[in-house]
Amino acid sequence: MRARLPIVIALVVLASAGAAWASAVPARPVAEEAYVVLLRLRWDLYAQWKETGRWPADSAANAALGGHVRYWDEQRRAGRAILAGGMKGEYWDNVALIVFRARSQAEADSVVRQDPAVRAHVFQSQVRGFDVSWIGSATPPP
């Protein structure tokens, strides 16, 4: 019995800590009010990149793209941006997309208009409502 006592104590401590954590962290809603922005690179930049294999030396576009990365990183850290990524392959309709939280279409449009690459017309953008059904685990299975 003495050999099992440390295990029992450890389990009680872990259960207590888990209960405290669970009560401190609010439950995720089943669905969230979210929007997706579809982003497409300006055609002249895309065509030059694909034709030459080199990214264009457009300092204004590159500065706007740097601002775009910083802006959405700020949105992510603030808990607004949920997911970002881009489609792979050589398809005419490829886009990058960002799923983010906003309370209304007007707010979502405003968030996207503040993106430096959208303001500089480096990206074409389209904002649409997006139903978030679930958000997967932060840790992928082993």
N, C-alpha and C. Protein backbone atom coordinates (compact mmCIF):
# COMPACT_ATOMS: atom_id res chain seq x y z
N MET A 1 0.83 -1.20 0.00
CA MET A 1 0.00 0.00 0.00
C MET A 1 0.86 1.25 0.00
N ARG A 2 1.99 1.24 0.73
CA ARG A 2 2.86 2.43 0.76
C ARG A 2 3.41 2.75 -0.62
N ALA A 3 3.68 1.74 -1.42
CA ALA A 3 4.22 1.98 -2.76
C ALA A 3 3.19 2.68 -3.64
N ARG A 4 1.90 2.47 -3.39
CA ARG A 4 0.85 3.09 -4.20
C ARG A 4 0.48 4.48 -3.71
N LEU A 5 0.81 4.83 -2.49
CA LEU A 5 0.43 6.11 -1.91
C LEU A 5 0.93 7.30 -2.73
N PRO A 6 2.21 7.33 -3.18
CA PRO A 6 2.66 8.47 -4.00
C PRO A 6 1.87 8.58 -5.30
N ILE A 7 1.49 7.44 -5.87
CA ILE A 7 0.72 7.47 -7.13
C ILE A 7 -0.67 8.05 -6.87
N VAL A 8 -1.31 7.63 -5.79
CA VAL A 8 -2.63 8.13 -5.45
C VAL A 8 -2.57 9.63 -5.19
N ILE A 9 -1.55 10.08 -4.46
CA ILE A 9 -1.40 11.52 -4.17
C ILE A 9 -1.20 12.29 -5.47
N ALA A 10 -0.35 11.77 -6.36
CA ALA A 10 -0.10 12.44 -7.64
C ALA A 10 -1.37 12.54 -8.46
N LEU A 11 -2.18 11.48 -8.48
CA LEU A 11 -3.43 11.51 -9.24
C LEU A 11 -4.41 12.54 -8.67
N VAL A 12 -4.48 12.63 -7.33
CA VAL A 12 -5.37 13.62 -6.70
C VAL A 12 -4.91 15.03 -7.03
N VAL A 13 -3.60 15.27 -6.98
CA VAL A 13 -3.06 16.60 -7.31
C VAL A 13 -3.34 16.94 -8.77
N LEU A 14 -3.11 16.00 -9.68
CA LEU A 14 -3.37 16.24 -11.10
C LEU A 14 -4.86 16.49 -11.36
N ALA A 15 -5.72 15.72 -10.73
CA ALA A 15 -7.16 15.92 -10.90
C ALA A 15 -7.59 17.29 -10.40
N SER A 16 -7.05 17.71 -9.27
CA SER A 16 -7.37 19.03 -8.72
C SER A 16 -6.89 20.14 -9.64
N ALA A 17 -5.67 19.99 -10.15
CA ALA A 17 -5.11 21.00 -11.07
C ALA A 17 -5.94 21.05 -12.34
N GLY A 18 -6.33 19.89 -12.87
CA GLY A 18 -7.15 19.85 -14.08
C GLY A 18 -8.49 20.51 -13.88
N ALA A 19 -9.12 20.26 -12.73
CA ALA A 19 -10.42 20.88 -12.44
C ALA A 19 -10.28 22.39 -12.33
N ALA A 20 -9.20 22.85 -11.69
CA ALA A 20 -8.97 24.30 -11.55
C ALA A 20 -8.74 24.93 -12.92
N TRP A 21 -7.96 24.26 -13.78
CA TRP A 21 -7.69 24.79 -15.11
C TRP A 21 -8.98 24.83 -15.93
N ALA A 22 -9.75 23.77 -15.87
CA ALA A 22 -10.99 23.71 -16.65
C ALA A 22 -11.96 24.80 -16.23
N SER A 23 -12.01 25.12 -14.94
CA SER A 23 -12.93 26.17 -14.51
C SER A 23 -12.39 27.56 -14.84
N ALA A 24 -11.07 27.69 -15.03
CA ALA A 24 -10.48 28.99 -15.33
C ALA A 24 -10.54 29.31 -16.81
N VAL A 25 -10.60 28.30 -17.68
CA VAL A 25 -10.59 28.51 -19.12
C VAL A 25 -12.03 28.40 -19.64
N PRO A 26 -12.54 29.46 -20.27
CA PRO A 26 -13.91 29.39 -20.76
C PRO A 26 -14.02 28.36 -21.89
N ALA A 27 -15.14 27.70 -21.97
CA ALA A 27 -15.38 26.71 -23.02
C ALA A 27 -15.47 27.40 -24.37
N ARG A 28 -14.98 26.74 -25.42
CA ARG A 28 -15.09 27.27 -26.77
C ARG A 28 -16.53 27.12 -27.24
N PRO A 29 -17.08 28.12 -27.87
CA PRO A 29 -18.43 27.99 -28.41
C PRO A 29 -18.45 26.95 -29.53
N VAL A 30 -19.60 26.36 -29.76
CA VAL A 30 -19.73 25.38 -30.83
C VAL A 30 -19.53 26.07 -32.18
N ALA A 31 -20.05 27.24 -32.32
CA ALA A 31 -19.90 28.00 -33.56
C ALA A 31 -19.49 29.42 -33.21
N GLU A 32 -18.72 30.03 -34.09
CA GLU A 32 -18.26 31.40 -33.88
C GLU A 32 -18.66 32.26 -35.06
N GLU A 33 -18.81 33.55 -34.82
CA GLU A 33 -19.05 34.50 -35.90
C GLU A 33 -17.70 34.78 -36.53
N ALA A 34 -17.52 34.33 -37.75
CA ALA A 34 -16.21 34.47 -38.39
C ALA A 34 -16.38 34.84 -39.86
N TYR A 35 -15.28 35.26 -40.43
CA TYR A 35 -15.23 35.65 -41.84
C TYR A 35 -13.96 35.09 -42.43
N VAL A 36 -13.95 34.94 -43.75
CA VAL A 36 -12.75 34.51 -44.45
C VAL A 36 -12.43 35.59 -45.48
N VAL A 37 -11.16 35.93 -45.56
CA VAL A 37 -10.72 36.82 -46.63
C VAL A 37 -9.93 35.96 -47.62
N LEU A 38 -10.32 36.06 -48.88
CA LEU A 38 -9.60 35.39 -49.96
C LEU A 38 -8.67 36.43 -50.57
N LEU A 39 -7.40 36.09 -50.65
CA LEU A 39 -6.39 37.03 -51.14
C LEU A 39 -5.73 36.47 -52.39
N ARG A 40 -5.66 37.30 -53.41
CA ARG A 40 -4.99 36.91 -54.65
C ARG A 40 -3.94 37.96 -54.97
N LEU A 41 -2.73 37.49 -55.27
CA LEU A 41 -1.62 38.37 -55.59
C LEU A 41 -1.88 39.14 -56.88
N ARG A 42 -1.46 40.38 -56.91
CA ARG A 42 -1.61 41.22 -58.10
C ARG A 42 -0.99 40.50 -59.30
N TRP A 43 -1.67 40.54 -60.43
CA TRP A 43 -1.29 39.74 -61.59
C TRP A 43 0.13 40.04 -62.08
N ASP A 44 0.53 41.29 -62.17
CA ASP A 44 1.86 41.59 -62.71
C ASP A 44 2.96 40.99 -61.84
N LEU A 45 2.78 41.01 -60.52
CA LEU A 45 3.78 40.40 -59.63
C LEU A 45 3.80 38.88 -59.82
N TYR A 46 2.61 38.29 -59.86
CA TYR A 46 2.51 36.84 -60.02
C TYR A 46 3.13 36.40 -61.35
N ALA A 47 2.79 37.08 -62.44
CA ALA A 47 3.27 36.69 -63.77
C ALA A 47 4.79 36.81 -63.86
N GLN A 48 5.35 37.89 -63.35
CA GLN A 48 6.80 38.07 -63.39
C GLN A 48 7.50 36.99 -62.57
N TRP A 49 6.96 36.68 -61.43
CA TRP A 49 7.52 35.65 -60.56
C TRP A 49 7.50 34.29 -61.26
N LYS A 50 6.35 33.94 -61.88
CA LYS A 50 6.22 32.64 -62.53
C LYS A 50 7.05 32.54 -63.80
N GLU A 51 7.15 33.65 -64.55
CA GLU A 51 7.91 33.63 -65.81
C GLU A 51 9.41 33.58 -65.59
N THR A 52 9.90 34.24 -64.54
CA THR A 52 11.35 34.33 -64.33
C THR A 52 11.85 33.39 -63.24
N GLY A 53 10.94 32.95 -62.36
CA GLY A 53 11.38 32.13 -61.23
C GLY A 53 11.96 32.96 -60.10
N ARG A 54 11.95 34.28 -60.27
CA ARG A 54 12.47 35.19 -59.23
C ARG A 54 11.36 36.13 -58.79
N TRP A 55 11.38 36.43 -57.50
CA TRP A 55 10.41 37.38 -56.99
C TRP A 55 10.75 38.77 -57.50
N PRO A 56 9.78 39.57 -57.96
CA PRO A 56 10.05 40.90 -58.51
C PRO A 56 10.67 41.84 -57.47
N ALA A 57 11.55 42.69 -57.94
CA ALA A 57 12.21 43.69 -57.08
C ALA A 57 11.34 44.94 -57.03
N ASP A 58 10.18 44.81 -56.44
CA ASP A 58 9.22 45.91 -56.32
C ASP A 58 9.24 46.32 -54.85
N SER A 59 9.97 47.38 -54.52
CA SER A 59 10.16 47.74 -53.10
C SER A 59 8.85 48.12 -52.41
N ALA A 60 7.95 48.79 -53.12
CA ALA A 60 6.68 49.17 -52.50
C ALA A 60 5.83 47.93 -52.21
N ALA A 61 5.77 46.99 -53.16
CA ALA A 61 5.01 45.76 -52.94
C ALA A 61 5.63 44.94 -51.81
N ASN A 62 6.95 44.85 -51.80
CA ASN A 62 7.62 44.08 -50.76
C ASN A 62 7.41 44.69 -49.37
N ALA A 63 7.41 46.01 -49.28
CA ALA A 63 7.14 46.67 -48.00
C ALA A 63 5.70 46.39 -47.56
N ALA A 64 4.77 46.44 -48.51
CA ALA A 64 3.37 46.16 -48.17
C ALA A 64 3.19 44.71 -47.72
N LEU A 65 3.90 43.78 -48.36
CA LEU A 65 3.82 42.38 -47.95
C LEU A 65 4.39 42.17 -46.55
N GLY A 66 5.47 42.87 -46.23
CA GLY A 66 6.01 42.81 -44.87
C GLY A 66 5.01 43.34 -43.86
N GLY A 67 4.33 44.44 -44.22
CA GLY A 67 3.30 44.99 -43.34
C GLY A 67 2.12 44.03 -43.20
N HIS A 68 1.79 43.33 -44.27
CA HIS A 68 0.71 42.34 -44.24
C HIS A 68 1.02 41.24 -43.22
N VAL A 69 2.23 40.72 -43.23
CA VAL A 69 2.63 39.66 -42.29
C VAL A 69 2.55 40.17 -40.86
N ARG A 70 3.06 41.36 -40.62
CA ARG A 70 3.02 41.92 -39.26
C ARG A 70 1.58 42.18 -38.80
N TYR A 71 0.76 42.72 -39.70
CA TYR A 71 -0.63 43.04 -39.36
C TYR A 71 -1.40 41.79 -38.94
N TRP A 72 -1.30 40.72 -39.74
CA TRP A 72 -2.06 39.51 -39.40
C TRP A 72 -1.45 38.78 -38.21
N ASP A 73 -0.16 38.93 -37.99
CA ASP A 73 0.42 38.36 -36.77
C ASP A 73 -0.15 39.06 -35.54
N GLU A 74 -0.33 40.38 -35.63
CA GLU A 74 -0.97 41.13 -34.54
C GLU A 74 -2.41 40.64 -34.33
N GLN A 75 -3.13 40.41 -35.41
CA GLN A 75 -4.51 39.91 -35.31
C GLN A 75 -4.53 38.52 -34.66
N ARG A 76 -3.56 37.69 -34.99
CA ARG A 76 -3.48 36.36 -34.40
C ARG A 76 -3.20 36.45 -32.91
N ARG A 77 -2.23 37.28 -32.54
CA ARG A 77 -1.89 37.42 -31.11
C ARG A 77 -3.05 38.01 -30.31
N ALA A 78 -3.87 38.84 -30.94
CA ALA A 78 -5.03 39.43 -30.26
C ALA A 78 -6.21 38.46 -30.20
N GLY A 79 -6.06 37.27 -30.80
CA GLY A 79 -7.12 36.28 -30.77
C GLY A 79 -8.15 36.44 -31.87
N ARG A 80 -7.92 37.34 -32.81
CA ARG A 80 -8.89 37.57 -33.89
C ARG A 80 -8.68 36.60 -35.05
N ALA A 81 -7.44 36.39 -35.50
CA ALA A 81 -7.16 35.50 -36.63
C ALA A 81 -7.13 34.06 -36.14
N ILE A 82 -7.85 33.19 -36.83
CA ILE A 82 -7.99 31.79 -36.44
C ILE A 82 -7.07 30.89 -37.27
N LEU A 83 -7.01 31.12 -38.57
CA LEU A 83 -6.32 30.22 -39.49
C LEU A 83 -5.85 31.02 -40.70
N ALA A 84 -4.68 30.68 -41.20
CA ALA A 84 -4.19 31.30 -42.43
C ALA A 84 -3.45 30.26 -43.24
N GLY A 85 -3.52 30.38 -44.55
CA GLY A 85 -2.79 29.46 -45.41
C GLY A 85 -3.01 29.80 -46.86
N GLY A 86 -2.30 29.09 -47.70
CA GLY A 86 -2.43 29.30 -49.13
C GLY A 86 -2.56 27.98 -49.86
N MET A 87 -3.22 28.01 -50.98
CA MET A 87 -3.41 26.81 -51.78
C MET A 87 -2.12 26.48 -52.51
N LYS A 88 -1.85 25.21 -52.68
CA LYS A 88 -0.65 24.75 -53.38
C LYS A 88 -0.99 24.37 -54.81
N GLY A 89 0.03 24.30 -55.64
CA GLY A 89 -0.15 23.84 -57.01
C GLY A 89 -0.26 25.00 -57.99
N GLU A 90 -0.28 24.64 -59.25
CA GLU A 90 -0.35 25.62 -60.34
C GLU A 90 -1.76 25.67 -60.88
N TYR A 91 -2.66 26.30 -60.15
CA TYR A 91 -4.05 26.40 -60.56
C TYR A 91 -4.43 27.87 -60.69
N TRP A 92 -5.22 28.20 -61.69
CA TRP A 92 -5.55 29.59 -61.97
C TRP A 92 -6.33 30.24 -60.84
N ASP A 93 -7.06 29.44 -60.06
CA ASP A 93 -7.91 30.04 -59.04
C ASP A 93 -7.33 29.95 -57.64
N ASN A 94 -6.03 29.71 -57.50
CA ASN A 94 -5.41 29.64 -56.18
C ASN A 94 -5.53 30.97 -55.44
N VAL A 95 -5.77 30.87 -54.16
CA VAL A 95 -5.81 32.04 -53.30
C VAL A 95 -5.15 31.68 -51.98
N ALA A 96 -4.78 32.70 -51.24
CA ALA A 96 -4.46 32.53 -49.83
C ALA A 96 -5.73 32.90 -49.09
N LEU A 97 -5.88 32.40 -47.87
CA LEU A 97 -7.07 32.75 -47.11
C LEU A 97 -6.71 32.92 -45.64
N ILE A 98 -7.49 33.76 -45.00
CA ILE A 98 -7.37 33.97 -43.56
C ILE A 98 -8.78 33.93 -42.98
N VAL A 99 -8.98 33.06 -42.00
CA VAL A 99 -10.25 32.99 -41.28
C VAL A 99 -10.06 33.79 -40.00
N PHE A 100 -10.98 34.70 -39.74
CA PHE A 100 -10.83 35.57 -38.57
C PHE A 100 -12.19 35.90 -37.96
N ARG A 101 -12.14 36.32 -36.70
CA ARG A 101 -13.35 36.67 -35.96
C ARG A 101 -13.70 38.15 -36.20
N ALA A 102 -14.98 38.39 -36.41
CA ALA A 102 -15.50 39.75 -36.49
C ALA A 102 -16.98 39.67 -36.13
N ARG A 103 -17.54 40.77 -35.65
CA ARG A 103 -18.93 40.77 -35.21
C ARG A 103 -19.92 41.03 -36.35
N SER A 104 -19.43 41.54 -37.48
CA SER A 104 -20.33 41.85 -38.59
C SER A 104 -19.53 41.91 -39.89
N GLN A 105 -20.26 41.90 -40.99
CA GLN A 105 -19.61 42.05 -42.29
C GLN A 105 -18.88 43.37 -42.38
N ALA A 106 -19.48 44.42 -41.86
CA ALA A 106 -18.85 45.75 -41.90
C ALA A 106 -17.54 45.75 -41.13
N GLU A 107 -17.54 45.13 -39.95
CA GLU A 107 -16.29 45.05 -39.17
C GLU A 107 -15.25 44.21 -39.90
N ALA A 108 -15.68 43.10 -40.50
CA ALA A 108 -14.75 42.24 -41.24
C ALA A 108 -14.14 43.00 -42.42
N ASP A 109 -14.97 43.73 -43.14
CA ASP A 109 -14.47 44.53 -44.27
C ASP A 109 -13.45 45.56 -43.78
N SER A 110 -13.72 46.18 -42.65
CA SER A 110 -12.81 47.17 -42.09
C SER A 110 -11.47 46.55 -41.69
N VAL A 111 -11.52 45.37 -41.08
CA VAL A 111 -10.30 44.67 -40.68
C VAL A 111 -9.43 44.41 -41.91
N VAL A 112 -10.04 43.93 -42.98
CA VAL A 112 -9.29 43.60 -44.19
C VAL A 112 -8.77 44.86 -44.88
N ARG A 113 -9.55 45.93 -44.89
CA ARG A 113 -9.09 47.18 -45.52
C ARG A 113 -7.86 47.75 -44.83
N GLN A 114 -7.63 47.38 -43.57
CA GLN A 114 -6.46 47.87 -42.84
C GLN A 114 -5.19 47.07 -43.14
N ASP A 115 -5.31 45.95 -43.84
CA ASP A 115 -4.16 45.14 -44.23
C ASP A 115 -3.30 45.98 -45.19
N PRO A 116 -2.02 46.20 -44.87
CA PRO A 116 -1.18 47.03 -45.74
C PRO A 116 -1.08 46.54 -47.18
N ALA A 117 -1.10 45.25 -47.42
CA ALA A 117 -1.00 44.75 -48.79
C ALA A 117 -2.31 44.92 -49.55
N VAL A 118 -3.42 44.95 -48.86
CA VAL A 118 -4.71 45.24 -49.50
C VAL A 118 -4.78 46.73 -49.81
N ARG A 119 -4.38 47.56 -48.83
CA ARG A 119 -4.39 49.02 -49.05
C ARG A 119 -3.50 49.41 -50.23
N ALA A 120 -2.36 48.70 -50.39
CA ALA A 120 -1.41 49.02 -51.47
C ALA A 120 -1.77 48.33 -52.78
N HIS A 121 -2.88 47.61 -52.82
CA HIS A 121 -3.33 46.89 -54.01
C HIS A 121 -2.34 45.83 -54.47
N VAL A 122 -1.58 45.26 -53.53
CA VAL A 122 -0.71 44.13 -53.82
C VAL A 122 -1.56 42.86 -53.84
N PHE A 123 -2.59 42.83 -53.01
CA PHE A 123 -3.54 41.74 -53.00
C PHE A 123 -4.91 42.24 -53.40
N GLN A 124 -5.61 41.45 -54.21
CA GLN A 124 -7.05 41.61 -54.36
C GLN A 124 -7.65 40.86 -53.19
N SER A 125 -8.74 41.35 -52.64
CA SER A 125 -9.35 40.68 -51.50
C SER A 125 -10.85 40.57 -51.67
N GLN A 126 -11.38 39.52 -51.09
CA GLN A 126 -12.82 39.34 -51.02
C GLN A 126 -13.13 38.79 -49.64
N VAL A 127 -14.07 39.40 -48.93
CA VAL A 127 -14.43 38.99 -47.58
C VAL A 127 -15.81 38.34 -47.63
N ARG A 128 -15.89 37.15 -47.02
CA ARG A 128 -17.15 36.42 -46.98
C ARG A 128 -17.39 35.90 -45.57
N GLY A 129 -18.67 35.72 -45.23
CA GLY A 129 -19.00 35.07 -43.97
C GLY A 129 -18.48 33.64 -43.98
N PHE A 130 -18.14 33.12 -42.81
CA PHE A 130 -17.55 31.79 -42.71
C PHE A 130 -18.05 31.11 -41.45
N ASP A 131 -18.65 29.93 -41.59
CA ASP A 131 -19.14 29.17 -40.44
C ASP A 131 -18.00 28.31 -39.89
N VAL A 132 -17.61 28.58 -38.65
CA VAL A 132 -16.62 27.75 -37.96
C VAL A 132 -17.41 26.69 -37.19
N SER A 133 -17.28 25.45 -37.60
CA SER A 133 -17.99 24.36 -36.93
C SER A 133 -17.18 23.82 -35.76
N TRP A 134 -15.88 23.71 -35.93
CA TRP A 134 -14.99 23.26 -34.85
C TRP A 134 -13.57 23.70 -35.16
N ILE A 135 -12.79 23.75 -34.12
CA ILE A 135 -11.36 24.07 -34.24
C ILE A 135 -10.62 22.88 -33.66
N GLY A 136 -9.73 22.30 -34.44
CA GLY A 136 -9.01 21.10 -34.03
C GLY A 136 -8.05 21.34 -32.87
N SER A 137 -7.50 20.27 -32.41
CA SER A 137 -6.53 20.30 -31.31
C SER A 137 -5.30 21.09 -31.72
N ALA A 138 -4.72 21.79 -30.76
CA ALA A 138 -3.49 22.53 -31.01
C ALA A 138 -2.30 21.60 -31.18
N THR A 139 -2.43 20.38 -30.72
CA THR A 139 -1.34 19.43 -30.78
C THR A 139 -1.72 18.28 -31.72
N PRO A 140 -0.97 18.10 -32.80
CA PRO A 140 -1.30 16.99 -33.71
C PRO A 140 -1.01 15.65 -33.04
N PRO A 141 -1.73 14.62 -33.45
CA PRO A 141 -1.49 13.31 -32.86
C PRO A 141 -0.07 12.83 -33.18
N PRO A 142 0.50 11.98 -32.31
CA PRO A 142 1.88 11.50 -32.57
C PRO A 142 1.97 10.62 -33.77
